[in-house]
């Protein structure tokens, strides 16, 4: 939705400068909905931590996300 909002600003600027004949977003309303995000359980985190990947790159990505300072 963020990208659409930015794109709409550009389109409206183009309409204002007469580069576009009309606003293609006319009649389209962007609404933001609140989404409840659930946290991973301890079991899910342990499954990720113990997962064996076939490529070293994926293991590095997994391990980078699990480091604590």
N, C-alpha and C. Protein backbone atom coordinates (compact mmCIF):
# COMPACT_ATOMS: atom_id res chain seq x y z
N UNK A 1 0.83 -1.18 0.00
CA UNK A 1 0.00 0.00 0.00
C UNK A 1 0.88 1.25 0.00
N UNK A 2 2.02 1.17 0.67
CA UNK A 2 2.94 2.31 0.69
C UNK A 2 3.38 2.66 -0.73
N UNK A 3 3.69 1.63 -1.52
CA UNK A 3 4.15 1.87 -2.88
C UNK A 3 3.04 2.46 -3.75
N UNK A 4 1.83 2.00 -3.55
CA UNK A 4 0.71 2.57 -4.30
C UNK A 4 0.48 4.03 -3.94
N UNK A 5 0.62 4.35 -2.67
CA UNK A 5 0.47 5.75 -2.24
C UNK A 5 1.52 6.64 -2.87
N UNK A 6 2.76 6.17 -2.90
CA UNK A 6 3.84 6.94 -3.54
C UNK A 6 3.59 7.07 -5.04
N UNK A 7 3.14 5.98 -5.65
CA UNK A 7 2.87 6.00 -7.09
C UNK A 7 1.73 6.96 -7.41
N UNK A 8 0.71 6.99 -6.54
CA UNK A 8 -0.42 7.90 -6.75
C UNK A 8 0.04 9.35 -6.72
N UNK A 9 0.97 9.68 -5.83
CA UNK A 9 1.50 11.04 -5.77
C UNK A 9 2.17 11.42 -7.09
N UNK A 10 2.93 10.48 -7.65
CA UNK A 10 3.60 10.74 -8.93
C UNK A 10 2.57 10.92 -10.04
N UNK A 11 1.55 10.06 -10.06
CA UNK A 11 0.50 10.15 -11.09
C UNK A 11 -0.22 11.48 -10.98
N UNK A 12 -0.54 11.91 -9.77
CA UNK A 12 -1.24 13.19 -9.60
C UNK A 12 -0.37 14.36 -10.05
N UNK A 13 0.92 14.28 -9.84
CA UNK A 13 1.83 15.31 -10.33
C UNK A 13 1.82 15.33 -11.86
N UNK A 14 1.80 14.16 -12.47
CA UNK A 14 1.75 14.08 -13.94
C UNK A 14 0.44 14.64 -14.48
N UNK A 15 -0.66 14.40 -13.79
CA UNK A 15 -1.95 14.96 -14.21
C UNK A 15 -1.91 16.48 -14.09
N UNK A 16 -1.33 16.96 -13.00
CA UNK A 16 -1.24 18.42 -12.78
C UNK A 16 -0.41 19.10 -13.86
N UNK A 17 0.64 18.41 -14.31
CA UNK A 17 1.50 18.98 -15.36
C UNK A 17 1.01 18.65 -16.76
N UNK A 18 -0.17 18.03 -16.84
CA UNK A 18 -0.83 17.69 -18.10
C UNK A 18 -0.04 16.66 -18.91
N UNK A 19 0.73 15.81 -18.23
CA UNK A 19 1.44 14.71 -18.90
C UNK A 19 0.50 13.52 -19.05
N UNK A 20 -0.50 13.45 -18.19
CA UNK A 20 -1.55 12.43 -18.28
C UNK A 20 -2.89 13.16 -18.43
N UNK A 21 -3.79 12.64 -19.27
CA UNK A 21 -5.06 13.35 -19.48
C UNK A 21 -5.99 13.31 -18.27
N UNK A 22 -5.94 12.25 -17.48
CA UNK A 22 -6.80 12.18 -16.29
C UNK A 22 -6.16 11.29 -15.23
N UNK A 23 -6.80 11.26 -14.08
CA UNK A 23 -6.29 10.50 -12.94
C UNK A 23 -6.80 9.06 -13.01
N UNK A 24 -5.91 8.09 -13.26
CA UNK A 24 -6.37 6.70 -13.29
C UNK A 24 -6.78 6.16 -11.91
N UNK A 25 -6.43 6.87 -10.85
CA UNK A 25 -6.81 6.46 -9.50
C UNK A 25 -8.17 7.01 -9.08
N UNK A 26 -8.81 7.79 -9.96
CA UNK A 26 -10.10 8.38 -9.61
C UNK A 26 -11.10 7.26 -9.31
N UNK A 27 -11.76 7.34 -8.20
CA UNK A 27 -12.73 6.33 -7.81
C UNK A 27 -12.12 5.16 -7.06
N UNK A 28 -10.80 5.14 -6.91
CA UNK A 28 -10.13 4.07 -6.17
C UNK A 28 -9.73 4.60 -4.82
N UNK A 29 -10.19 3.94 -3.78
CA UNK A 29 -9.89 4.39 -2.42
C UNK A 29 -8.98 3.37 -1.76
N UNK A 30 -7.85 3.83 -1.26
CA UNK A 30 -6.93 2.96 -0.54
C UNK A 30 -7.24 3.07 0.95
N UNK A 31 -7.53 1.95 1.56
CA UNK A 31 -7.80 1.96 2.99
C UNK A 31 -6.80 1.06 3.69
N UNK A 32 -6.32 1.52 4.78
CA UNK A 32 -5.37 0.76 5.58
C UNK A 32 -6.13 -0.01 6.65
N UNK A 33 -5.86 -1.30 6.72
CA UNK A 33 -6.51 -2.14 7.72
C UNK A 33 -5.48 -2.57 8.75
N UNK A 34 -5.88 -2.56 10.00
CA UNK A 34 -5.00 -3.06 11.06
C UNK A 34 -4.98 -4.58 11.00
N UNK A 35 -3.79 -5.13 11.07
CA UNK A 35 -3.63 -6.57 11.00
C UNK A 35 -3.00 -7.04 12.30
N UNK A 36 -3.56 -8.07 12.88
CA UNK A 36 -2.98 -8.63 14.09
C UNK A 36 -1.93 -9.66 13.69
N UNK A 37 -0.71 -9.44 14.11
CA UNK A 37 0.39 -10.33 13.78
C UNK A 37 0.70 -11.20 14.98
N UNK A 38 0.73 -12.48 14.75
CA UNK A 38 1.03 -13.43 15.82
C UNK A 38 2.53 -13.68 15.88
N UNK A 39 3.02 -13.89 17.08
CA UNK A 39 4.42 -14.20 17.27
C UNK A 39 4.64 -15.69 17.08
N UNK A 40 5.87 -16.07 16.70
CA UNK A 40 6.20 -17.48 16.60
C UNK A 40 6.27 -18.09 17.98
N UNK A 41 5.85 -19.32 18.08
CA UNK A 41 5.93 -20.03 19.37
C UNK A 41 7.36 -20.51 19.58
N UNK A 42 7.65 -20.93 20.80
CA UNK A 42 8.98 -21.48 21.10
C UNK A 42 9.27 -22.70 20.24
N UNK A 43 8.26 -23.52 20.02
CA UNK A 43 8.43 -24.72 19.19
C UNK A 43 8.78 -24.35 17.75
N UNK A 44 8.09 -23.34 17.22
CA UNK A 44 8.38 -22.90 15.85
C UNK A 44 9.79 -22.32 15.74
N UNK A 45 10.19 -21.56 16.75
CA UNK A 45 11.55 -21.00 16.75
C UNK A 45 12.60 -22.11 16.83
N UNK A 46 12.33 -23.11 17.65
CA UNK A 46 13.26 -24.24 17.75
C UNK A 46 13.33 -25.02 16.45
N UNK A 47 12.20 -25.18 15.77
CA UNK A 47 12.20 -25.86 14.47
C UNK A 47 13.06 -25.12 13.45
N UNK A 48 12.98 -23.81 13.45
CA UNK A 48 13.80 -23.01 12.54
C UNK A 48 15.27 -23.13 12.91
N UNK A 49 15.56 -23.05 14.20
CA UNK A 49 16.95 -23.10 14.66
C UNK A 49 17.61 -24.44 14.35
N UNK A 50 16.83 -25.51 14.38
CA UNK A 50 17.42 -26.83 14.15
C UNK A 50 17.30 -27.31 12.71
N UNK A 51 16.73 -26.51 11.84
CA UNK A 51 16.54 -26.89 10.44
C UNK A 51 17.89 -27.02 9.75
N UNK A 52 18.07 -28.11 9.01
CA UNK A 52 19.29 -28.32 8.21
C UNK A 52 18.98 -27.94 6.76
N UNK A 53 19.76 -27.01 6.24
CA UNK A 53 19.58 -26.55 4.87
C UNK A 53 20.61 -27.21 3.97
N UNK A 54 20.26 -27.37 2.71
CA UNK A 54 21.17 -27.98 1.74
C UNK A 54 22.26 -27.01 1.28
N UNK A 55 21.98 -25.72 1.37
CA UNK A 55 22.97 -24.73 0.95
C UNK A 55 23.48 -23.96 2.16
N UNK A 56 24.75 -23.66 2.14
CA UNK A 56 25.39 -22.93 3.24
C UNK A 56 24.80 -21.53 3.38
N UNK A 57 24.44 -20.93 2.25
CA UNK A 57 23.92 -19.58 2.25
C UNK A 57 22.67 -19.47 3.12
N UNK A 58 21.76 -20.43 3.02
CA UNK A 58 20.54 -20.39 3.82
C UNK A 58 20.84 -20.57 5.31
N UNK A 59 21.82 -21.38 5.61
CA UNK A 59 22.22 -21.54 7.01
C UNK A 59 22.79 -20.25 7.56
N UNK A 60 23.54 -19.53 6.76
CA UNK A 60 24.10 -18.24 7.19
C UNK A 60 22.99 -17.23 7.45
N UNK A 61 22.00 -17.22 6.57
CA UNK A 61 20.88 -16.28 6.75
C UNK A 61 20.12 -16.61 8.03
N UNK A 62 19.86 -17.90 8.27
CA UNK A 62 19.17 -18.31 9.48
C UNK A 62 19.97 -17.89 10.72
N UNK A 63 21.27 -18.16 10.69
CA UNK A 63 22.12 -17.85 11.85
C UNK A 63 22.27 -16.35 12.07
N UNK A 64 22.24 -15.56 11.01
CA UNK A 64 22.35 -14.11 11.15
C UNK A 64 21.13 -13.54 11.88
N UNK A 65 19.98 -14.12 11.65
CA UNK A 65 18.77 -13.65 12.31
C UNK A 65 18.65 -14.09 13.75
N UNK A 66 19.52 -15.01 14.18
CA UNK A 66 19.41 -15.54 15.54
C UNK A 66 20.50 -15.03 16.47
N UNK A 67 21.35 -14.15 15.99
CA UNK A 67 22.41 -13.64 16.86
C UNK A 67 21.82 -12.62 17.81
N UNK A 68 22.33 -12.59 19.00
CA UNK A 68 21.89 -11.61 19.99
C UNK A 68 23.11 -10.87 20.51
N UNK A 69 22.89 -9.60 20.75
CA UNK A 69 24.00 -8.76 21.22
C UNK A 69 23.89 -8.48 22.69
